[in-house]
Amino acid sequence: MAAPSTKRQRAARERLAEILDHPSSAFIIHYACQSFSQPQIYGSPRITSIAIRNIGTGQTTSYSIHEELELANIPVSDVHEHLDQLEFRMLDRYFVYLRENRNFRFLHWNMRDQKFGFPAIEHRFRTLGGTPFELPEQNRLDLAIIASDIYGSGYLPKPYLRNLAERNGLTIAGFLSGAEEPAAFANAQFARILQSTLCKVTVLSDVASLIHDSTLKTDATLWTLNRGRVREIWHRYQNDPVAAFISIAVSMGASFFAVLEFLNQR
């Protein structure tokens, strides 16, 4: 397990604190889609559900093929004949919401690129004839990167999100894996996909709070988390012994409380 960089660790905690110190102005977002390995002749993976949870209030807004199916009063047996129409309506509602809340911050999990992320959702809407709203980059924060910067690479076995939930005793009722969600889509189990997406934004919200409170349980040891700080103090000692001794005293006090906190997590 690679130890985190002290500089990145500190910056990650500051970025997360900036958001969670004002929780009502921030959201958790996650979505589900078709399999990435589907034949190219079928085009890019369809978006099947999106969930957005306000971190402060817990209120969650969702957009899904399941909901559009019910609103249009279309039988599940006929869903494949109307998928373009249903996905368009779902994404149109989503982008209206995103535009209305463009000044808020959005925490996400690996939603970074054309394969899986905000760009992938935008691309799907364009293929259906829509004009997507592009959320400003500065209003997106990847919680997966935050966790890696704080705890180091390999802080838990993959898949990270499910293992984080299980290690920390978080509720995962309805949680579907990355392989199970496309299978549910193939079987027209759209309600299950929506429930999984709703479960995941709740898990992500809880994980963000645990990281912010320094109570998240991972495989990262105290030595892994503080190795960079020890190295930093040693370099400072070589250049300025007095300042280094002050840093050591402060660090020892902080480490004492960190040990107590770490033991309480076990």
C-alpha atoms as a PDB file:
ATOM      1  CA  MET A   1       0.000   0.000   0.000  1.00  0.00           C
ATOM      2  CA  ALA A   2       1.506   3.337  -1.088  1.00  0.00           C
ATOM      3  CA  ALA A   3       1.543   6.004   1.607  1.00  0.00           C
ATOM      4  CA  PRO A   4      -0.276   9.233   0.769  1.00  0.00           C
ATOM      5  CA  SER A   5       1.578  12.416  -0.068  1.00  0.00           C
ATOM      6  CA  THR A   6       1.392  14.800   2.880  1.00  0.00           C
ATOM      7  CA  LYS A   7       0.730  17.729   0.557  1.00  0.00           C
ATOM      8  CA  ARG A   8      -2.096  15.968  -1.311  1.00  0.00           C
ATOM      9  CA  GLN A   9      -3.493  14.577   1.934  1.00  0.00           C
ATOM     10  CA  ARG A  10      -3.722  18.038   3.470  1.00  0.00           C
ATOM     11  CA  ALA A  11      -5.187  19.575   0.296  1.00  0.00           C
ATOM     12  CA  ALA A  12      -7.786  16.783  -0.001  1.00  0.00           C
ATOM     13  CA  ARG A  13      -9.002  17.293   3.560  1.00  0.00           C
ATOM     14  CA  GLU A  14      -9.244  21.026   2.963  1.00  0.00           C
ATOM     15  CA  ARG A  15     -11.262  20.564  -0.251  1.00  0.00           C
ATOM     16  CA  LEU A  16     -13.670  18.192   1.448  1.00  0.00           C
ATOM     17  CA  ALA A  17     -14.015  20.419   4.511  1.00  0.00           C
ATOM     18  CA  GLU A  18     -14.815  23.381   2.273  1.00  0.00           C
ATOM     19  CA  ILE A  19     -17.858  21.476   1.016  1.00  0.00           C
ATOM     20  CA  LEU A  20     -19.015  19.664   4.150  1.00  0.00           C
ATOM     21  CA  ASP A  21     -18.750  22.775   6.298  1.00  0.00           C
ATOM     22  CA  HIS A  22     -21.697  24.044   4.217  1.00  0.00           C
ATOM     23  CA  PRO A  23     -23.620  20.788   3.630  1.00  0.00           C
ATOM     24  CA  SER A  24     -26.901  22.312   2.452  1.00  0.00           C
ATOM     25  CA  SER A  25     -25.055  23.841  -0.499  1.00  0.00           C
ATOM     26  CA  ALA A  26     -23.624  20.527  -1.690  1.00  0.00           C
ATOM     27  CA  PHE A  27     -24.915  17.362  -3.325  1.00  0.00           C
ATOM     28  CA  ILE A  28     -23.886  13.750  -3.827  1.00  0.00           C
ATOM     29  CA  ILE A  29     -24.510  12.454  -7.354  1.00  0.00           C
ATOM     30  CA  HIS A  30     -24.298   8.951  -8.823  1.00  0.00           C
ATOM     31  CA  TYR A  31     -25.817   7.126 -11.781  1.00  0.00           C
ATOM     32  CA  ALA A  32     -26.231   3.736 -13.436  1.00  0.00           C
ATOM     33  CA  CYS A  33     -25.924   2.756 -17.078  1.00  0.00           C
ATOM     34  CA  GLN A  34     -25.843  -0.173 -19.466  1.00  0.00           C
ATOM     35  CA  SER A  35     -22.792  -2.410 -19.703  1.00  0.00           C
ATOM     36  CA  PHE A  36     -19.612  -0.785 -21.012  1.00  0.00           C
ATOM     37  CA  SER A  37     -18.852  -3.989 -22.934  1.00  0.00           C
ATOM     38  CA  GLN A  38     -21.996  -3.963 -25.095  1.00  0.00           C
ATOM     39  CA  PRO A  39     -21.422  -4.294 -28.876  1.00  0.00           C
ATOM     40  CA  GLN A  40     -20.490  -0.956 -30.487  1.00  0.00           C
ATOM     41  CA  ILE A  41     -23.323  -1.279 -32.998  1.00  0.00           C
ATOM     42  CA  TYR A  42     -25.697  -0.400 -30.141  1.00  0.00           C
ATOM     43  CA  GLY A  43     -23.898   2.871 -29.472  1.00  0.00           C
ATOM     44  CA  SER A  44     -22.866   4.339 -26.121  1.00  0.00           C
ATOM     45  CA  PRO A  45     -24.341   2.812 -22.940  1.00  0.00           C
ATOM     46  CA  ARG A  46     -27.782   4.150 -22.036  1.00  0.00           C
ATOM     47  CA  ILE A  47     -28.194   6.033 -18.781  1.00  0.00           C
ATOM     48  CA  THR A  48     -30.711   4.122 -16.672  1.00  0.00           C
ATOM     49  CA  SER A  49     -30.974   6.141 -13.441  1.00  0.00           C
ATOM     50  CA  ILE A  50     -29.468   9.188 -11.727  1.00  0.00           C
ATOM     51  CA  ALA A  51     -29.746  10.108  -8.047  1.00  0.00           C
ATOM     52  CA  ILE A  52     -28.789  13.424  -6.417  1.00  0.00           C
ATOM     53  CA  ARG A  53     -28.783  13.787  -2.620  1.00  0.00           C
ATOM     54  CA  ASN A  54     -28.454  17.027  -0.681  1.00  0.00           C
ATOM     55  CA  ILE A  55     -25.744  16.416   1.923  1.00  0.00           C
ATOM     56  CA  GLY A  56     -27.286  18.741   4.497  1.00  0.00           C
ATOM     57  CA  THR A  57     -30.951  17.749   4.317  1.00  0.00           C
ATOM     58  CA  GLY A  58     -30.684  14.204   2.952  1.00  0.00           C
ATOM     59  CA  GLN A  59     -33.401  15.027   0.415  1.00  0.00           C
ATOM     60  CA  THR A  60     -32.837  12.953  -2.716  1.00  0.00           C
ATOM     61  CA  THR A  61     -34.012  13.656  -6.252  1.00  0.00           C
ATOM     62  CA  SER A  62     -33.945  10.880  -8.816  1.00  0.00           C
ATOM     63  CA  TYR A  63     -34.335  10.474 -12.563  1.00  0.00           C
ATOM     64  CA  SER A  64     -34.809   7.046 -14.077  1.00  0.00           C
ATOM     65  CA  ILE A  65     -36.260   5.011 -16.889  1.00  0.00           C
ATOM     66  CA  HIS A  66     -38.382   3.312 -14.228  1.00  0.00           C
ATOM     67  CA  GLU A  67     -40.036   6.615 -13.273  1.00  0.00           C
ATOM     68  CA  GLU A  68     -40.505   7.708 -16.877  1.00  0.00           C
ATOM     69  CA  LEU A  69     -42.027   4.334 -17.702  1.00  0.00           C
ATOM     70  CA  GLU A  70     -44.679   4.814 -15.017  1.00  0.00           C
ATOM     71  CA  LEU A  71     -45.347   8.451 -15.944  1.00  0.00           C
ATOM     72  CA  ALA A  72     -45.883   7.484 -19.593  1.00  0.00           C
ATOM     73  CA  ASN A  73     -48.059   4.517 -18.563  1.00  0.00           C
ATOM     74  CA  ILE A  74     -46.085   2.186 -20.820  1.00  0.00           C
ATOM     75  CA  PRO A  75     -46.133  -1.547 -20.034  1.00  0.00           C
ATOM     76  CA  VAL A  76     -42.744  -3.002 -19.127  1.00  0.00           C
ATOM     77  CA  SER A  77     -43.218  -5.525 -21.938  1.00  0.00           C
ATOM     78  CA  ASP A  78     -43.112  -2.625 -24.443  1.00  0.00           C
ATOM     79  CA  VAL A  79     -40.239  -0.711 -22.874  1.00  0.00           C
ATOM     80  CA  HIS A  80     -37.609  -1.505 -25.520  1.00  0.00           C
ATOM     81  CA  GLU A  81     -39.735   0.161 -28.198  1.00  0.00           C
ATOM     82  CA  HIS A  82     -39.712   3.425 -26.239  1.00  0.00           C
ATOM     83  CA  LEU A  83     -36.226   3.549 -24.711  1.00  0.00           C
ATOM     84  CA  ASP A  84     -35.066   6.593 -26.689  1.00  0.00           C
ATOM     85  CA  GLN A  85     -38.149   8.553 -25.655  1.00  0.00           C
ATOM     86  CA  LEU A  86     -37.893   7.512 -22.008  1.00  0.00           C
ATOM     87  CA  GLU A  87     -34.158   8.190 -21.737  1.00  0.00           C
ATOM     88  CA  PHE A  88     -34.568  11.600 -23.397  1.00  0.00           C
ATOM     89  CA  ARG A  89     -37.272  12.660 -20.925  1.00  0.00           C
ATOM     90  CA  MET A  90     -35.216  11.429 -17.981  1.00  0.00           C
ATOM     91  CA  LEU A  91     -32.100  13.297 -19.089  1.00  0.00           C
ATOM     92  CA  ASP A  92     -34.034  16.419 -19.999  1.00  0.00           C
ATOM     93  CA  ARG A  93     -35.373  16.612 -16.423  1.00  0.00           C
ATOM     94  CA  TYR A  94     -31.899  15.930 -15.037  1.00  0.00           C
ATOM     95  CA  PHE A  95     -30.255  18.733 -17.004  1.00  0.00           C
ATOM     96  CA  VAL A  96     -32.983  21.196 -15.983  1.00  0.00           C
ATOM     97  CA  TYR A  97     -32.189  20.334 -12.347  1.00  0.00           C
ATOM     98  CA  LEU A  98     -28.449  20.626 -12.941  1.00  0.00           C
ATOM     99  CA  ARG A  99     -28.858  24.045 -14.560  1.00  0.00           C
ATOM    100  CA  GLU A 100     -31.047  25.284 -11.707  1.00  0.00           C
ATOM    101  CA  ASN A 101     -28.421  24.156  -9.158  1.00  0.00           C
ATOM    102  CA  ARG A 102     -25.297  25.060 -11.157  1.00  0.00           C
ATOM    103  CA  ASN A 103     -23.862  27.203  -8.347  1.00  0.00           C
ATOM    104  CA  PHE A 104     -23.799  24.289  -5.876  1.00  0.00           C
ATOM    105  CA  ARG A 105     -21.017  21.726  -5.440  1.00  0.00           C
ATOM    106  CA  PHE A 106     -21.404  18.094  -6.526  1.00  0.00           C
ATOM    107  CA  LEU A 107     -19.466  15.220  -4.930  1.00  0.00           C
ATOM    108  CA  HIS A 108     -19.229  12.120  -7.106  1.00  0.00           C
ATOM    109  CA  TRP A 109     -17.413   8.789  -7.364  1.00  0.00           C
ATOM    110  CA  ASN A 110     -15.184   8.465 -10.461  1.00  0.00           C
ATOM    111  CA  MET A 111     -17.574  10.418 -12.725  1.00  0.00           C
ATOM    112  CA  ARG A 112     -14.681  11.879 -14.676  1.00  0.00           C
ATOM    113  CA  ASP A 113     -14.737  10.924 -18.351  1.00  0.00           C
ATOM    114  CA  GLN A 114     -16.526   9.891 -21.518  1.00  0.00           C
ATOM    115  CA  LYS A 115     -16.740   6.258 -20.364  1.00  0.00           C
ATOM    116  CA  PHE A 116     -18.358   6.991 -17.007  1.00  0.00           C
ATOM    117  CA  GLY A 117     -19.044  10.501 -15.810  1.00  0.00           C
ATOM    118  CA  PHE A 118     -20.620  13.868 -16.491  1.00  0.00           C
ATOM    119  CA  PRO A 119     -19.251  13.839 -20.082  1.00  0.00           C
ATOM    120  CA  ALA A 120     -20.844  10.418 -20.694  1.00  0.00           C
ATOM    121  CA  ILE A 121     -24.277  11.684 -19.589  1.00  0.00           C
ATOM    122  CA  GLU A 122     -23.870  14.801 -21.741  1.00  0.00           C
ATOM    123  CA  HIS A 123     -22.938  12.645 -24.735  1.00  0.00           C
ATOM    124  CA  ARG A 124     -25.996  10.432 -24.298  1.00  0.00           C
ATOM    125  CA  PHE A 125     -28.312  13.456 -24.298  1.00  0.00           C
ATOM    126  CA  ARG A 126     -26.679  14.817 -27.450  1.00  0.00           C
ATOM    127  CA  THR A 127     -27.141  11.476 -29.246  1.00  0.00           C
ATOM    128  CA  LEU A 128     -30.850  11.690 -28.409  1.00  0.00           C
ATOM    129  CA  GLY A 129     -31.134  15.209 -29.841  1.00  0.00           C
ATOM    130  CA  GLY A 130     -30.861  17.200 -26.606  1.00  0.00           C
ATOM    131  CA  THR A 131     -28.595  20.063 -25.573  1.00  0.00           C
ATOM    132  CA  PRO A 132     -26.958  19.237 -22.231  1.00  0.00           C
ATOM    133  CA  PHE A 133     -25.987  21.735 -19.551  1.00  0.00           C
ATOM    134  CA  GLU A 134     -22.314  21.350 -18.644  1.00  0.00           C
ATOM    135  CA  LEU A 135     -21.743  21.762 -14.915  1.00  0.00           C
ATOM    136  CA  PRO A 136     -18.640  23.947 -14.303  1.00  0.00           C
ATOM    137  CA  GLU A 137     -15.589  21.824 -13.544  1.00  0.00           C
ATOM    138  CA  GLN A 138     -14.882  23.733 -10.321  1.00  0.00           C
ATOM    139  CA  ASN A 139     -18.246  22.575  -8.958  1.00  0.00           C
ATOM    140  CA  ARG A 140     -17.353  18.877  -9.303  1.00  0.00           C
ATOM    141  CA  LEU A 141     -15.324  17.034  -6.659  1.00  0.00           C
ATOM    142  CA  ASP A 142     -14.314  13.386  -7.031  1.00  0.00           C
ATOM    143  CA  LEU A 143     -14.676  11.667  -3.653  1.00  0.00           C
ATOM    144  CA  ALA A 144     -12.745   8.628  -4.959  1.00  0.00           C
ATOM    145  CA  ILE A 145      -9.675  10.815  -5.528  1.00  0.00           C
ATOM    146  CA  ILE A 146     -10.166  12.510  -2.147  1.00  0.00           C
ATOM    147  CA  ALA A 147     -10.141   9.097  -0.424  1.00  0.00           C
ATOM    148  CA  SER A 148      -7.042   7.952  -2.317  1.00  0.00           C
ATOM    149  CA  ASP A 149      -5.190  11.192  -1.558  1.00  0.00           C
ATOM    150  CA  ILE A 150      -5.956  10.895   2.160  1.00  0.00           C
ATOM    151  CA  TYR A 151      -5.542   7.146   2.751  1.00  0.00           C
ATOM    152  CA  GLY A 152      -3.093   6.215   0.008  1.00  0.00           C
ATOM    153  CA  SER A 153      -3.549   3.844  -2.921  1.00  0.00           C
ATOM    154  CA  GLY A 154      -4.925   0.412  -2.107  1.00  0.00           C
ATOM    155  CA  TYR A 155      -6.515   1.535   1.170  1.00  0.00           C
ATOM    156  CA  LEU A 156      -9.073  -1.275   0.704  1.00  0.00           C
ATOM    157  CA  PRO A 157      -9.495  -4.127  -1.778  1.00  0.00           C
ATOM    158  CA  LYS A 158     -11.575  -3.364  -4.861  1.00  0.00           C
ATOM    159  CA  PRO A 159     -14.449  -2.708  -5.372  1.00  0.00           C
ATOM    160  CA  TYR A 160     -13.818   0.256  -3.091  1.00  0.00           C
ATOM    161  CA  LEU A 161     -17.355   1.550  -2.645  1.00  0.00           C
ATOM    162  CA  ARG A 162     -18.956  -1.711  -1.566  1.00  0.00           C
ATOM    163  CA  ASN A 163     -16.001  -2.620   0.649  1.00  0.00           C
ATOM    164  CA  LEU A 164     -16.075   0.823   2.277  1.00  0.00           C
ATOM    165  CA  ALA A 165     -19.769   0.346   3.028  1.00  0.00           C
ATOM    166  CA  GLU A 166     -19.267  -3.130   4.502  1.00  0.00           C
ATOM    167  CA  ARG A 167     -16.149  -2.210   6.516  1.00  0.00           C
ATOM    168  CA  ASN A 168     -17.943   0.766   8.060  1.00  0.00           C
ATOM    169  CA  GLY A 169     -21.265  -0.963   8.721  1.00  0.00           C
ATOM    170  CA  LEU A 170     -23.244   1.165   6.247  1.00  0.00           C
ATOM    171  CA  THR A 171     -26.598  -0.031   4.939  1.00  0.00           C
ATOM    172  CA  ILE A 172     -26.342  -1.538   1.454  1.00  0.00           C
ATOM    173  CA  ALA A 173     -29.882  -2.869   0.989  1.00  0.00           C
ATOM    174  CA  GLY A 174     -30.587  -2.811  -2.749  1.00  0.00           C
ATOM    175  CA  PHE A 175     -26.919  -2.240  -3.686  1.00  0.00           C
ATOM    176  CA  LEU A 176     -26.080  -3.776  -7.095  1.00  0.00           C
ATOM    177  CA  SER A 177     -22.532  -4.258  -8.330  1.00  0.00           C
ATOM    178  CA  GLY A 178     -21.231  -2.811 -11.580  1.00  0.00           C
ATOM    179  CA  ALA A 179     -21.966  -6.130 -13.284  1.00  0.00           C
ATOM    180  CA  GLU A 180     -25.396  -6.618 -11.697  1.00  0.00           C
ATOM    181  CA  GLU A 181     -26.825  -3.269 -12.848  1.00  0.00           C
ATOM    182  CA  PRO A 182     -26.415  -3.946 -16.611  1.00  0.00           C
ATOM    183  CA  ALA A 183     -27.854  -7.438 -16.074  1.00  0.00           C
ATOM    184  CA  ALA A 184     -30.874  -5.887 -14.354  1.00  0.00           C
ATOM    185  CA  PHE A 185     -31.281  -3.527 -17.327  1.00  0.00           C
ATOM    186  CA  ALA A 186     -31.195  -6.446 -19.764  1.00  0.00           C
ATOM    187  CA  ASN A 187     -34.021  -8.039 -17.759  1.00  0.00           C
ATOM    188  CA  ALA A 188     -36.016  -4.766 -17.633  1.00  0.00           C
ATOM    189  CA  GLN A 189     -35.634  -4.597 -13.816  1.00  0.00           C
ATOM    190  CA  PHE A 190     -35.567  -0.808 -13.800  1.00  0.00           C
ATOM    191  CA  ALA A 191     -36.925  -0.426 -10.276  1.00  0.00           C
ATOM    192  CA  ARG A 192     -33.985  -2.472  -8.911  1.00  0.00           C
ATOM    193  CA  ILE A 193     -31.507  -0.231 -10.738  1.00  0.00           C
ATOM    194  CA  LEU A 194     -33.097   2.889  -9.284  1.00  0.00           C
ATOM    195  CA  GLN A 195     -33.001   1.433  -5.756  1.00  0.00           C
ATOM    196  CA  SER A 196     -29.323   0.600  -6.224  1.00  0.00           C
ATOM    197  CA  THR A 197     -28.515   4.145  -7.346  1.00  0.00           C
ATOM    198  CA  LEU A 198     -30.422   5.606  -4.394  1.00  0.00           C
ATOM    199  CA  CYS A 199     -28.532   3.272  -2.048  1.00  0.00           C
ATOM    200  CA  LYS A 200     -25.185   4.364  -3.491  1.00  0.00           C
ATOM    201  CA  VAL A 201     -25.744   8.102  -3.024  1.00  0.00           C
ATOM    202  CA  THR A 202     -26.617   7.395   0.612  1.00  0.00           C
ATOM    203  CA  VAL A 203     -23.424   5.327   1.015  1.00  0.00           C
ATOM    204  CA  LEU A 204     -21.364   8.079  -0.631  1.00  0.00           C
ATOM    205  CA  SER A 205     -22.871  10.703   1.655  1.00  0.00           C
ATOM    206  CA  ASP A 206     -22.001   8.598   4.713  1.00  0.00           C
ATOM    207  CA  VAL A 207     -18.473   7.919   3.431  1.00  0.00           C
ATOM    208  CA  ALA A 208     -17.885  11.640   2.852  1.00  0.00           C
ATOM    209  CA  SER A 209     -18.984  12.424   6.412  1.00  0.00           C
ATOM    210  CA  LEU A 210     -16.769   9.684   7.886  1.00  0.00           C
ATOM    211  CA  ILE A 211     -13.745  10.956   5.963  1.00  0.00           C
ATOM    212  CA  HIS A 212     -14.465  14.503   7.098  1.00  0.00           C
ATOM    213  CA  ASP A 213     -14.735  13.330  10.730  1.00  0.00           C
ATOM    214  CA  SER A 214     -11.559  11.188  10.397  1.00  0.00           C
ATOM    215  CA  THR A 215     -13.517   8.097  11.464  1.00  0.00           C
ATOM    216  CA  LEU A 216     -13.553   6.126   8.191  1.00  0.00           C
ATOM    217  CA  LYS A 217     -12.298   2.551   8.658  1.00  0.00           C
ATOM    218  CA  THR A 218      -9.822   1.363   6.011  1.00  0.00           C
ATOM    219  CA  ASP A 219      -6.737  -0.855   5.760  1.00  0.00           C
ATOM    220  CA  ALA A 220      -4.501   2.215   6.073  1.00  0.00           C
ATOM    221  CA  THR A 221      -2.458   2.038   9.285  1.00  0.00           C
ATOM    222  CA  LEU A 222      -1.380   4.965  11.440  1.00  0.00           C
ATOM    223  CA  TRP A 223       2.131   4.569  10.013  1.00  0.00           C
ATOM    224  CA  THR A 224       0.814   4.668   6.440  1.00  0.00           C
ATOM    225  CA  LEU A 225      -1.223   7.794   7.156  1.00  0.00           C
ATOM    226  CA  ASN A 226       1.603   9.618   8.943  1.00  0.00           C
ATOM    227  CA  ARG A 227       4.745   8.407   7.155  1.00  0.00           C
ATOM    228  CA  GLY A 228       4.843  11.511   4.978  1.00  0.00           C
ATOM    229  CA  ARG A 229       4.502  13.767   8.024  1.00  0.00           C
ATOM    230  CA  VAL A 230       7.444  12.039   9.731  1.00  0.00           C
ATOM    231  CA  ARG A 231       9.560  12.512   6.596  1.00  0.00           C
ATOM    232  CA  GLU A 232       8.500  16.161   6.428  1.00  0.00           C
ATOM    233  CA  ILE A 233       9.588  16.748  10.051  1.00  0.00           C
ATOM    234  CA  TRP A 234      12.953  15.053   9.405  1.00  0.00           C
ATOM    235  CA  HIS A 235      13.684  17.346   6.468  1.00  0.00           C
ATOM    236  CA  ARG A 236      12.683  20.329   8.580  1.00  0.00           C
ATOM    237  CA  TYR A 237      15.005  19.144  11.382  1.00  0.00           C
ATOM    238  CA  GLN A 238      17.926  19.077   8.987  1.00  0.00           C
ATOM    239  CA  ASN A 239      17.263  22.709   8.050  1.00  0.00           C
ATOM    240  CA  ASP A 240      15.901  24.135  11.320  1.00  0.00           C
ATOM    241  CA  PRO A 241      16.168  21.931  14.454  1.00  0.00           C
ATOM    242  CA  VAL A 242      14.204  24.325  16.700  1.00  0.00           C
ATOM    243  CA  ALA A 243      11.231  24.486  14.340  1.00  0.00           C
ATOM    244  CA  ALA A 244      11.435  20.722  13.966  1.00  0.00           C
ATOM    245  CA  PHE A 245      11.246  20.149  17.732  1.00  0.00           C
ATOM    246  CA  ILE A 246       8.152  22.355  17.887  1.00  0.00           C
ATOM    247  CA  SER A 247       6.582  20.359  15.038  1.00  0.00           C
ATOM    248  CA  ILE A 248       7.420  17.110  16.831  1.00  0.00           C
ATOM    249  CA  ALA A 249       5.727  18.303  20.016  1.00  0.00           C
ATOM    250  CA  VAL A 250       2.627  19.345  18.114  1.00  0.00           C
ATOM    251  CA  SER A 251       2.616  16.114  16.099  1.00  0.00           C
ATOM    252  CA  MET A 252       2.988  13.976  19.214  1.00  0.00           C
ATOM    253  CA  GLY A 253      -0.061  15.603  20.724  1.00  0.00           C
ATOM    254  CA  ALA A 254      -2.023  15.137  17.515  1.00  0.00           C
ATOM    255  CA  SER A 255      -0.800  11.543  17.200  1.00  0.00           C
ATOM    256  CA  PHE A 256      -1.924  10.740  20.742  1.00  0.00           C
ATOM    257  CA  PHE A 257      -5.482  11.718  19.897  1.00  0.00           C
ATOM    258  CA  ALA A 258      -5.211   9.989  16.527  1.00  0.00           C
ATOM    259  CA  VAL A 259      -4.228   6.736  18.253  1.00  0.00           C
ATOM    260  CA  LEU A 260      -7.214   6.983  20.582  1.00  0.00           C
ATOM    261  CA  GLU A 261      -9.466   7.645  17.608  1.00  0.00           C
ATOM    262  CA  PHE A 262      -7.909   4.782  15.623  1.00  0.00           C
ATOM    263  CA  LEU A 263      -8.371   2.323  18.513  1.00  0.00           C
ATOM    264  CA  ASN A 264     -11.995   3.375  18.923  1.00  0.00           C
ATOM    265  CA  GLN A 265     -12.590   2.444  15.287  1.00  0.00           C
ATOM    266  CA  ARG A 266     -11.394  -1.121  15.715  1.00  0.00           C
END
